[in-house]
Amino acid sequence: MTLLVVGASGYLGAEVCRQAVAAGERVVGTYHANPVELAGVEARRVDVTDRAAVRALVAAVRPAAVVSTPYRYDDWTVTADGAAHVAYAAAEAGARLVHLSSDALHAGRPEPYADDEVPTPVFPYGAAKAAAETAVRVIDPGAALVRTSLIVGDERSKQIRLCLDALAGRAILFTDEARCPVDVADLAAAVLELVAGDHAGPLNVAGPEAVSRAELGLLVARRFGIDPAGLKTATSAASGLLRPIEVRLDSSRAAGLLRTRLRGVTELLAS
């Protein structure tokens, strides 16, 4: 099988590529600014905001499946329009599509969110992710939409780097923003299971354990043997930022559907 990973230069995209190559698949990975240098991966440069370029790439690669991970936090055209372009090209080629979405499309509340709850974005990035989902579902109703949370792992994870910066006094972690972190390897394995399956529509794929960003920072401190005394914290509410506060994803359906075990963050970062 030929697998096209759009966004292979990202943390998750690179891990999806690594696992697919290890499984013996032909893997083509795209990048925009930073070239992909992964063993066994055919690297192709593409600008996902260029619809014609995306269509040409997919037509040339002729993938059986596409994993779509492109996003840029502050760029609607990449996050929303780019996702639509990839979905259109994949559908045109008859390729199975797994689109990566986010818990950022929810407004936040104390109760966990089920898989198919309607997006309620409260900030631009969440709105872009919601728009991306809407476009993908219209273009390809058979696509799998993976709603995930903070992606952790080693120091290449931007979430881990943020915690390390906060422990060094260079950043702030909020005590009132709850999320369900997931390991990059677990998430990539789940994505590849969905590539091989036929699940359609949204599916929560996140860790079973909700923690605040500040609690995540303490777990990172323990994992790396860092004194947590220097950890800088605050509340999102007091900061005046318009962002979701408590966003817990109920991933029980994914846990029953997939062979991959989605581990909790305390287990992941245990020393």
C-alpha atoms as a PDB file:
ATOM      1  CA  MET A   1       0.000   0.000   0.000  1.00  0.00           C
ATOM      2  CA  THR A   2       1.132   3.537  -0.722  1.00  0.00           C
ATOM      3  CA  LEU A   3       0.460   5.935   2.150  1.00  0.00           C
ATOM      4  CA  LEU A   4       0.642   9.692   1.717  1.00  0.00           C
ATOM      5  CA  VAL A   5       1.265  11.614   4.948  1.00  0.00           C
ATOM      6  CA  VAL A   6       0.523  15.302   4.527  1.00  0.00           C
ATOM      7  CA  GLY A   7       2.512  17.120   7.185  1.00  0.00           C
ATOM      8  CA  ALA A   8       5.285  14.551   7.614  1.00  0.00           C
ATOM      9  CA  SER A   9       7.649  17.188   8.978  1.00  0.00           C
ATOM     10  CA  GLY A  10       5.456  17.555  12.073  1.00  0.00           C
ATOM     11  CA  TYR A  11       5.866  15.574  15.276  1.00  0.00           C
ATOM     12  CA  LEU A  12       2.874  13.295  14.705  1.00  0.00           C
ATOM     13  CA  GLY A  13       3.317  13.067  10.936  1.00  0.00           C
ATOM     14  CA  ALA A  14       6.899  11.892  11.346  1.00  0.00           C
ATOM     15  CA  GLU A  15       5.851   9.178  13.797  1.00  0.00           C
ATOM     16  CA  VAL A  16       3.075   7.987  11.465  1.00  0.00           C
ATOM     17  CA  CYS A  17       5.693   7.742   8.705  1.00  0.00           C
ATOM     18  CA  ARG A  18       8.134   5.859  10.926  1.00  0.00           C
ATOM     19  CA  GLN A  19       5.565   3.265  11.959  1.00  0.00           C
ATOM     20  CA  ALA A  20       4.227   2.831   8.420  1.00  0.00           C
ATOM     21  CA  VAL A  21       7.728   2.291   7.013  1.00  0.00           C
ATOM     22  CA  ALA A  22       8.405  -0.247   9.771  1.00  0.00           C
ATOM     23  CA  ALA A  23       5.237  -2.064   8.697  1.00  0.00           C
ATOM     24  CA  GLY A  24       6.568  -2.343   5.145  1.00  0.00           C
ATOM     25  CA  GLU A  25       4.427   0.309   3.468  1.00  0.00           C
ATOM     26  CA  ARG A  26       5.535   2.673   0.745  1.00  0.00           C
ATOM     27  CA  VAL A  27       5.369   6.075   2.410  1.00  0.00           C
ATOM     28  CA  VAL A  28       5.377   9.493   0.787  1.00  0.00           C
ATOM     29  CA  GLY A  29       5.613  12.392   3.221  1.00  0.00           C
ATOM     30  CA  THR A  30       5.057  16.069   2.488  1.00  0.00           C
ATOM     31  CA  TYR A  31       6.657  19.157   3.942  1.00  0.00           C
ATOM     32  CA  HIS A  32       6.441  22.872   3.324  1.00  0.00           C
ATOM     33  CA  ALA A  33       9.374  24.690   4.918  1.00  0.00           C
ATOM     34  CA  ASN A  34      11.412  22.000   6.657  1.00  0.00           C
ATOM     35  CA  PRO A  35      12.543  19.099   4.453  1.00  0.00           C
ATOM     36  CA  VAL A  36      11.600  15.613   5.576  1.00  0.00           C
ATOM     37  CA  GLU A  37      14.602  13.415   6.295  1.00  0.00           C
ATOM     38  CA  LEU A  38      13.106  10.136   7.472  1.00  0.00           C
ATOM     39  CA  ALA A  39      14.475   6.727   6.561  1.00  0.00           C
ATOM     40  CA  GLY A  40      12.360   5.033   3.928  1.00  0.00           C
ATOM     41  CA  VAL A  41      10.143   8.071   3.277  1.00  0.00           C
ATOM     42  CA  GLU A  42       9.852   9.717  -0.137  1.00  0.00           C
ATOM     43  CA  ALA A  43       9.770  13.439   0.623  1.00  0.00           C
ATOM     44  CA  ARG A  44       7.682  15.821  -1.482  1.00  0.00           C
ATOM     45  CA  ARG A  45       7.291  19.553  -0.972  1.00  0.00           C
ATOM     46  CA  VAL A  46       3.770  20.961  -1.236  1.00  0.00           C
ATOM     47  CA  ASP A  47       1.886  24.069  -0.168  1.00  0.00           C
ATOM     48  CA  VAL A  48      -1.495  22.831   1.078  1.00  0.00           C
ATOM     49  CA  THR A  49      -3.040  26.247   0.440  1.00  0.00           C
ATOM     50  CA  ASP A  50      -2.434  25.668  -3.302  1.00  0.00           C
ATOM     51  CA  ARG A  51      -5.336  23.452  -4.339  1.00  0.00           C
ATOM     52  CA  ALA A  52      -3.924  22.698  -7.782  1.00  0.00           C
ATOM     53  CA  ALA A  53      -0.564  21.671  -6.326  1.00  0.00           C
ATOM     54  CA  VAL A  54      -2.222  19.325  -3.827  1.00  0.00           C
ATOM     55  CA  ARG A  55      -4.309  17.705  -6.572  1.00  0.00           C
ATOM     56  CA  ALA A  56      -1.239  17.279  -8.764  1.00  0.00           C
ATOM     57  CA  LEU A  57       0.736  15.677  -5.941  1.00  0.00           C
ATOM     58  CA  VAL A  58      -2.000  13.189  -5.046  1.00  0.00           C
ATOM     59  CA  ALA A  59      -2.538  12.317  -8.714  1.00  0.00           C
ATOM     60  CA  ALA A  60       1.191  11.648  -9.108  1.00  0.00           C
ATOM     61  CA  VAL A  61       1.586   9.597  -5.906  1.00  0.00           C
ATOM     62  CA  ARG A  62      -1.683   7.648  -6.352  1.00  0.00           C
ATOM     63  CA  PRO A  63      -1.951   6.710  -2.658  1.00  0.00           C
ATOM     64  CA  ALA A  64      -4.332   4.090  -1.331  1.00  0.00           C
ATOM     65  CA  ALA A  65      -4.681   6.198   1.811  1.00  0.00           C
ATOM     66  CA  VAL A  66      -3.937   9.723   2.991  1.00  0.00           C
ATOM     67  CA  VAL A  67      -3.212  10.872   6.542  1.00  0.00           C
ATOM     68  CA  SER A  68      -3.868  14.607   6.730  1.00  0.00           C
ATOM     69  CA  THR A  69      -2.140  16.481   9.563  1.00  0.00           C
ATOM     70  CA  PRO A  70      -1.428  20.002   8.251  1.00  0.00           C
ATOM     71  CA  TYR A  71      -2.118  22.946  10.546  1.00  0.00           C
ATOM     72  CA  ARG A  72      -0.688  26.283  11.514  1.00  0.00           C
ATOM     73  CA  TYR A  73      -1.980  27.719  14.768  1.00  0.00           C
ATOM     74  CA  ASP A  74      -2.528  31.246  13.486  1.00  0.00           C
ATOM     75  CA  ASP A  75      -3.235  30.543   9.807  1.00  0.00           C
ATOM     76  CA  TRP A  76      -6.787  29.757   8.664  1.00  0.00           C
ATOM     77  CA  THR A  77      -5.718  29.006   5.099  1.00  0.00           C
ATOM     78  CA  VAL A  78      -3.406  26.198   6.188  1.00  0.00           C
ATOM     79  CA  THR A  79      -5.603  24.724   8.916  1.00  0.00           C
ATOM     80  CA  ALA A  80      -9.024  24.980   7.262  1.00  0.00           C
ATOM     81  CA  ASP A  81      -8.548  25.546   3.531  1.00  0.00           C
ATOM     82  CA  GLY A  82      -5.535  23.241   3.392  1.00  0.00           C
ATOM     83  CA  ALA A  83      -7.498  20.408   4.989  1.00  0.00           C
ATOM     84  CA  ALA A  84     -10.279  20.891   2.427  1.00  0.00           C
ATOM     85  CA  HIS A  85      -7.800  20.790  -0.453  1.00  0.00           C
ATOM     86  CA  VAL A  86      -6.306  17.540   0.822  1.00  0.00           C
ATOM     87  CA  ALA A  87      -9.746  16.006   1.309  1.00  0.00           C
ATOM     88  CA  TYR A  88     -10.831  16.987  -2.193  1.00  0.00           C
ATOM     89  CA  ALA A  89      -7.700  15.526  -3.777  1.00  0.00           C
ATOM     90  CA  ALA A  90      -7.963  12.305  -1.753  1.00  0.00           C
ATOM     91  CA  ALA A  91     -11.615  11.853  -2.697  1.00  0.00           C
ATOM     92  CA  GLU A  92     -10.797  12.534  -6.339  1.00  0.00           C
ATOM     93  CA  ALA A  93      -8.175   9.780  -6.221  1.00  0.00           C
ATOM     94  CA  GLY A  94     -10.435   7.357  -4.341  1.00  0.00           C
ATOM     95  CA  ALA A  95      -8.020   7.237  -1.386  1.00  0.00           C
ATOM     96  CA  ARG A  96      -8.975   6.425   2.183  1.00  0.00           C
ATOM     97  CA  LEU A  97      -8.662   9.625   4.281  1.00  0.00           C
ATOM     98  CA  VAL A  98      -7.820   9.983   7.968  1.00  0.00           C
ATOM     99  CA  HIS A  99      -7.986  13.634   8.991  1.00  0.00           C
ATOM    100  CA  LEU A 100      -6.432  14.870  12.240  1.00  0.00           C
ATOM    101  CA  SER A 101      -8.653  17.208  14.203  1.00  0.00           C
ATOM    102  CA  SER A 102      -8.391  18.661  17.705  1.00  0.00           C
ATOM    103  CA  ASP A 103     -10.125  19.170  21.034  1.00  0.00           C
ATOM    104  CA  ALA A 104      -9.617  22.897  20.382  1.00  0.00           C
ATOM    105  CA  LEU A 105     -12.931  22.966  18.515  1.00  0.00           C
ATOM    106  CA  HIS A 106     -14.831  22.594  21.805  1.00  0.00           C
ATOM    107  CA  ALA A 107     -15.715  25.508  24.110  1.00  0.00           C
ATOM    108  CA  GLY A 108     -14.902  23.616  27.317  1.00  0.00           C
ATOM    109  CA  ARG A 109     -17.082  22.338  30.184  1.00  0.00           C
ATOM    110  CA  PRO A 110     -16.759  20.051  33.229  1.00  0.00           C
ATOM    111  CA  GLU A 111     -18.386  17.054  31.486  1.00  0.00           C
ATOM    112  CA  PRO A 112     -16.412  14.979  28.956  1.00  0.00           C
ATOM    113  CA  TYR A 113     -17.156  15.391  25.260  1.00  0.00           C
ATOM    114  CA  ALA A 114     -18.458  12.439  23.261  1.00  0.00           C
ATOM    115  CA  ASP A 115     -17.133  11.621  19.796  1.00  0.00           C
ATOM    116  CA  ASP A 116     -19.837  13.201  17.676  1.00  0.00           C
ATOM    117  CA  GLU A 117     -20.639  16.365  19.623  1.00  0.00           C
ATOM    118  CA  VAL A 118     -21.085  19.471  17.494  1.00  0.00           C
ATOM    119  CA  PRO A 119     -18.084  21.840  17.588  1.00  0.00           C
ATOM    120  CA  THR A 120     -18.472  24.972  19.717  1.00  0.00           C
ATOM    121  CA  PRO A 121     -15.260  26.921  19.056  1.00  0.00           C
ATOM    122  CA  VAL A 122     -14.474  30.027  21.093  1.00  0.00           C
ATOM    123  CA  PHE A 123     -11.175  31.136  19.517  1.00  0.00           C
ATOM    124  CA  PRO A 124      -9.775  31.371  15.965  1.00  0.00           C
ATOM    125  CA  TYR A 125      -7.733  28.163  15.950  1.00  0.00           C
ATOM    126  CA  GLY A 126     -10.687  26.152  17.234  1.00  0.00           C
ATOM    127  CA  ALA A 127     -12.903  27.734  14.588  1.00  0.00           C
ATOM    128  CA  ALA A 128     -10.384  26.791  11.880  1.00  0.00           C
ATOM    129  CA  LYS A 129     -10.315  23.181  13.068  1.00  0.00           C
ATOM    130  CA  ALA A 130     -14.117  23.102  13.136  1.00  0.00           C
ATOM    131  CA  ALA A 131     -14.247  24.501   9.605  1.00  0.00           C
ATOM    132  CA  ALA A 132     -11.737  21.888   8.475  1.00  0.00           C
ATOM    133  CA  GLU A 133     -13.920  19.107   9.881  1.00  0.00           C
ATOM    134  CA  THR A 134     -17.004  20.536   8.189  1.00  0.00           C
ATOM    135  CA  ALA A 135     -15.255  20.664   4.821  1.00  0.00           C
ATOM    136  CA  VAL A 136     -13.856  17.147   5.135  1.00  0.00           C
ATOM    137  CA  ARG A 137     -17.230  15.675   6.108  1.00  0.00           C
ATOM    138  CA  VAL A 138     -18.939  17.314   3.133  1.00  0.00           C
ATOM    139  CA  ILE A 139     -16.244  16.317   0.652  1.00  0.00           C
ATOM    140  CA  ASP A 140     -15.698  12.772   1.952  1.00  0.00           C
ATOM    141  CA  PRO A 141     -18.374  11.392   4.309  1.00  0.00           C
ATOM    142  CA  GLY A 142     -16.364   8.173   4.626  1.00  0.00           C
ATOM    143  CA  ALA A 143     -13.300   9.886   6.077  1.00  0.00           C
ATOM    144  CA  ALA A 144     -12.221   9.282   9.673  1.00  0.00           C
ATOM    145  CA  LEU A 145     -11.844  12.466  11.731  1.00  0.00           C
ATOM    146  CA  VAL A 146      -9.528  11.967  14.680  1.00  0.00           C
ATOM    147  CA  ARG A 147     -10.180  14.423  17.502  1.00  0.00           C
ATOM    148  CA  THR A 148      -7.149  14.386  19.736  1.00  0.00           C
ATOM    149  CA  SER A 149      -5.550  16.413  22.528  1.00  0.00           C
ATOM    150  CA  LEU A 150      -2.071  17.457  23.679  1.00  0.00           C
ATOM    151  CA  ILE A 151       0.522  15.225  22.000  1.00  0.00           C
ATOM    152  CA  VAL A 152       3.378  14.259  24.304  1.00  0.00           C
ATOM    153  CA  GLY A 153       6.449  12.073  24.035  1.00  0.00           C
ATOM    154  CA  ASP A 154      10.082  13.180  24.076  1.00  0.00           C
ATOM    155  CA  GLU A 155      11.606  16.647  23.864  1.00  0.00           C
ATOM    156  CA  ARG A 156      10.473  17.034  20.241  1.00  0.00           C
ATOM    157  CA  SER A 157       6.902  17.442  21.511  1.00  0.00           C
ATOM    158  CA  LYS A 158       6.019  21.139  21.694  1.00  0.00           C
ATOM    159  CA  GLN A 159       3.927  20.347  24.793  1.00  0.00           C
ATOM    160  CA  ILE A 160       6.943  18.860  26.554  1.00  0.00           C
ATOM    161  CA  ARG A 161       9.117  21.799  25.450  1.00  0.00           C
ATOM    162  CA  LEU A 162       6.535  24.256  26.814  1.00  0.00           C
ATOM    163  CA  CYS A 163       6.619  22.476  30.178  1.00  0.00           C
ATOM    164  CA  LEU A 164      10.415  22.539  30.227  1.00  0.00           C
ATOM    165  CA  ASP A 165      10.353  26.252  29.433  1.00  0.00           C
ATOM    166  CA  ALA A 166       7.871  26.872  32.267  1.00  0.00           C
ATOM    167  CA  LEU A 167      10.064  24.926  34.667  1.00  0.00           C
ATOM    168  CA  ALA A 168      12.945  27.185  33.629  1.00  0.00           C
ATOM    169  CA  GLY A 169      10.847  30.299  34.165  1.00  0.00           C
ATOM    170  CA  ARG A 170      10.540  31.094  30.452  1.00  0.00           C
ATOM    171  CA  ALA A 171       6.822  30.295  30.032  1.00  0.00           C
ATOM    172  CA  ILE A 172       3.609  29.992  32.039  1.00  0.00           C
ATOM    173  CA  LEU A 173       1.372  26.951  32.488  1.00  0.00           C
ATOM    174  CA  PHE A 174      -2.295  27.382  33.358  1.00  0.00           C
ATOM    175  CA  THR A 175      -3.759  25.609  36.359  1.00  0.00           C
ATOM    176  CA  ASP A 176      -7.337  25.670  35.025  1.00  0.00           C
ATOM    177  CA  GLU A 177      -6.902  24.254  31.502  1.00  0.00           C
ATOM    178  CA  ALA A 178      -7.679  20.533  31.608  1.00  0.00           C
ATOM    179  CA  ARG A 179      -6.754  18.314  28.675  1.00  0.00           C
ATOM    180  CA  CYS A 180      -6.262  14.579  27.962  1.00  0.00           C
ATOM    181  CA  PRO A 181      -2.653  14.185  26.747  1.00  0.00           C
ATOM    182  CA  VAL A 182      -1.851  11.321  24.391  1.00  0.00           C
ATOM    183  CA  ASP A 183       1.468   9.711  23.499  1.00  0.00           C
ATOM    184  CA  VAL A 184       2.666  10.364  19.952  1.00  0.00           C
ATOM    185  CA  ALA A 185       3.406   6.667  19.365  1.00  0.00           C
ATOM    186  CA  ASP A 186      -0.019   5.590  20.640  1.00  0.00           C
ATOM    187  CA  LEU A 187      -1.756   8.195  18.487  1.00  0.00           C
ATOM    188  CA  ALA A 188       0.220   7.268  15.370  1.00  0.00           C
ATOM    189  CA  ALA A 189      -0.574   3.581  15.853  1.00  0.00           C
ATOM    190  CA  ALA A 190      -4.262   4.411  16.273  1.00  0.00           C
ATOM    191  CA  VAL A 191      -4.201   6.519  13.095  1.00  0.00           C
ATOM    192  CA  LEU A 192      -2.692   3.645  11.117  1.00  0.00           C
ATOM    193  CA  GLU A 193      -5.349   1.294  12.450  1.00  0.00           C
ATOM    194  CA  LEU A 194      -7.975   3.723  11.197  1.00  0.00           C
ATOM    195  CA  VAL A 195      -6.228   3.897   7.821  1.00  0.00           C
ATOM    196  CA  ALA A 196      -6.725   0.155   7.491  1.00  0.00           C
ATOM    197  CA  GLY A 197     -10.315   0.272   8.775  1.00  0.00           C
ATOM    198  CA  ASP A 198     -13.579   1.781   7.645  1.00  0.00           C
ATOM    199  CA  HIS A 199     -14.585   4.043  10.508  1.00  0.00           C
ATOM    200  CA  ALA A 200     -16.271   7.212   9.246  1.00  0.00           C
ATOM    201  CA  GLY A 201     -16.831  10.474  11.082  1.00  0.00           C
ATOM    202  CA  PRO A 202     -15.367  11.888  14.284  1.00  0.00           C
ATOM    203  CA  LEU A 203     -13.623   9.718  16.846  1.00  0.00           C
ATOM    204  CA  ASN A 204     -12.000  10.895  20.069  1.00  0.00           C
ATOM    205  CA  VAL A 205      -8.476   9.480  20.286  1.00  0.00           C
ATOM    206  CA  ALA A 206      -6.825  10.858  23.407  1.00  0.00           C
ATOM    207  CA  GLY A 207      -5.455   9.661  26.713  1.00  0.00           C
ATOM    208  CA  PRO A 208      -7.857   8.454  29.420  1.00  0.00           C
ATOM    209  CA  GLU A 209      -6.458  10.823  32.048  1.00  0.00           C
ATOM    210  CA  ALA A 210      -7.286  14.527  32.256  1.00  0.00           C
ATOM    211  CA  VAL A 211      -4.704  16.867  33.777  1.00  0.00           C
ATOM    212  CA  SER A 212      -4.194  20.611  33.850  1.00  0.00           C
ATOM    213  CA  ARG A 213      -1.273  22.087  31.975  1.00  0.00           C
ATOM    214  CA  ALA A 214       0.327  22.890  35.318  1.00  0.00           C
ATOM    215  CA  GLU A 215      -0.091  19.262  36.439  1.00  0.00           C
ATOM    216  CA  LEU A 216       1.497  18.184  33.170  1.00  0.00           C
ATOM    217  CA  GLY A 217       4.422  20.430  34.011  1.00  0.00           C
ATOM    218  CA  LEU A 218       4.876  18.670  37.354  1.00  0.00           C
ATOM    219  CA  LEU A 219       4.825  15.273  35.622  1.00  0.00           C
ATOM    220  CA  VAL A 220       7.462  16.497  33.169  1.00  0.00           C
ATOM    221  CA  ALA A 221       9.573  17.764  36.078  1.00  0.00           C
ATOM    222  CA  ARG A 222       9.456  14.325  37.675  1.00  0.00           C
ATOM    223  CA  ARG A 223      10.220  12.604  34.385  1.00  0.00           C
ATOM    224  CA  PHE A 224      13.315  14.727  33.717  1.00  0.00           C
ATOM    225  CA  GLY A 225      14.456  15.033  37.327  1.00  0.00           C
ATOM    226  CA  ILE A 226      13.887  18.788  37.481  1.00  0.00           C
ATOM    227  CA  ASP A 227      13.119  20.711  40.672  1.00  0.00           C
ATOM    228  CA  PRO A 228       9.532  21.964  40.159  1.00  0.00           C
ATOM    229  CA  ALA A 229      10.044  24.953  42.473  1.00  0.00           C
ATOM    230  CA  GLY A 230      10.656  27.245  39.504  1.00  0.00           C
ATOM    231  CA  LEU A 231       7.466  26.278  37.668  1.00  0.00           C
ATOM    232  CA  LYS A 232       5.566  29.378  36.579  1.00  0.00           C
ATOM    233  CA  THR A 233       1.767  29.022  36.717  1.00  0.00           C
ATOM    234  CA  ALA A 234      -1.307  31.189  36.339  1.00  0.00           C
ATOM    235  CA  THR A 235      -4.976  30.827  35.460  1.00  0.00           C
ATOM    236  CA  SER A 236      -6.260  31.137  31.938  1.00  0.00           C
ATOM    237  CA  ALA A 237      -9.302  32.987  33.265  1.00  0.00           C
ATOM    238  CA  ALA A 238      -7.175  35.643  34.975  1.00  0.00           C
ATOM    239  CA  SER A 239      -4.994  36.052  31.891  1.00  0.00           C
ATOM    240  CA  GLY A 240      -7.913  37.338  29.864  1.00  0.00           C
ATOM    241  CA  LEU A 241      -7.264  34.859  27.063  1.00  0.00           C
ATOM    242  CA  LEU A 242     -10.321  33.598  25.219  1.00  0.00           C
ATOM    243  CA  ARG A 243      -9.531  29.886  25.154  1.00  0.00           C
ATOM    244  CA  PRO A 244     -11.313  26.681  26.179  1.00  0.00           C
ATOM    245  CA  ILE A 245     -10.789  25.851  29.854  1.00  0.00           C
ATOM    246  CA  GLU A 246     -11.819  22.264  30.637  1.00  0.00           C
ATOM    247  CA  VAL A 247     -11.837  20.016  27.574  1.00  0.00           C
ATOM    248  CA  ARG A 248     -12.000  16.324  28.401  1.00  0.00           C
ATOM    249  CA  LEU A 249     -12.424  13.869  25.527  1.00  0.00           C
ATOM    250  CA  ASP A 250     -14.257  10.616  26.189  1.00  0.00           C
ATOM    251  CA  SER A 251     -12.174   8.140  24.172  1.00  0.00           C
ATOM    252  CA  SER A 252     -13.950   4.994  25.377  1.00  0.00           C
ATOM    253  CA  ARG A 253     -15.291   4.246  21.906  1.00  0.00           C
ATOM    254  CA  ALA A 254     -11.777   4.337  20.439  1.00  0.00           C
ATOM    255  CA  ALA A 255     -10.532   2.138  23.281  1.00  0.00           C
ATOM    256  CA  GLY A 256     -13.098  -0.496  22.294  1.00  0.00           C
ATOM    257  CA  LEU A 257     -12.604  -0.096  18.554  1.00  0.00           C
ATOM    258  CA  LEU A 258      -8.804  -0.122  18.376  1.00  0.00           C
ATOM    259  CA  ARG A 259      -6.136  -2.613  19.389  1.00  0.00           C
ATOM    260  CA  THR A 260      -3.803   0.224  20.365  1.00  0.00           C
ATOM    261  CA  ARG A 261      -3.915   0.993  24.083  1.00  0.00           C
ATOM    262  CA  LEU A 262      -4.148   4.717  24.727  1.00  0.00           C
ATOM    263  CA  ARG A 263      -2.066   5.205  27.853  1.00  0.00           C
ATOM    264  CA  GLY A 264      -2.625   7.825  30.519  1.00  0.00           C
ATOM    265  CA  VAL A 265      -0.133  10.642  30.931  1.00  0.00           C
ATOM    266  CA  THR A 266       0.973   9.607  34.426  1.00  0.00           C
ATOM    267  CA  GLU A 267       2.016   6.224  33.060  1.00  0.00           C
ATOM    268  CA  LEU A 268       3.641   7.814  30.020  1.00  0.00           C
ATOM    269  CA  LEU A 269       5.789  10.199  32.039  1.00  0.00           C
ATOM    270  CA  ALA A 270       6.575   7.848  34.912  1.00  0.00           C
ATOM    271  CA  SER A 271      10.263   8.006  35.753  1.00  0.00           C
END
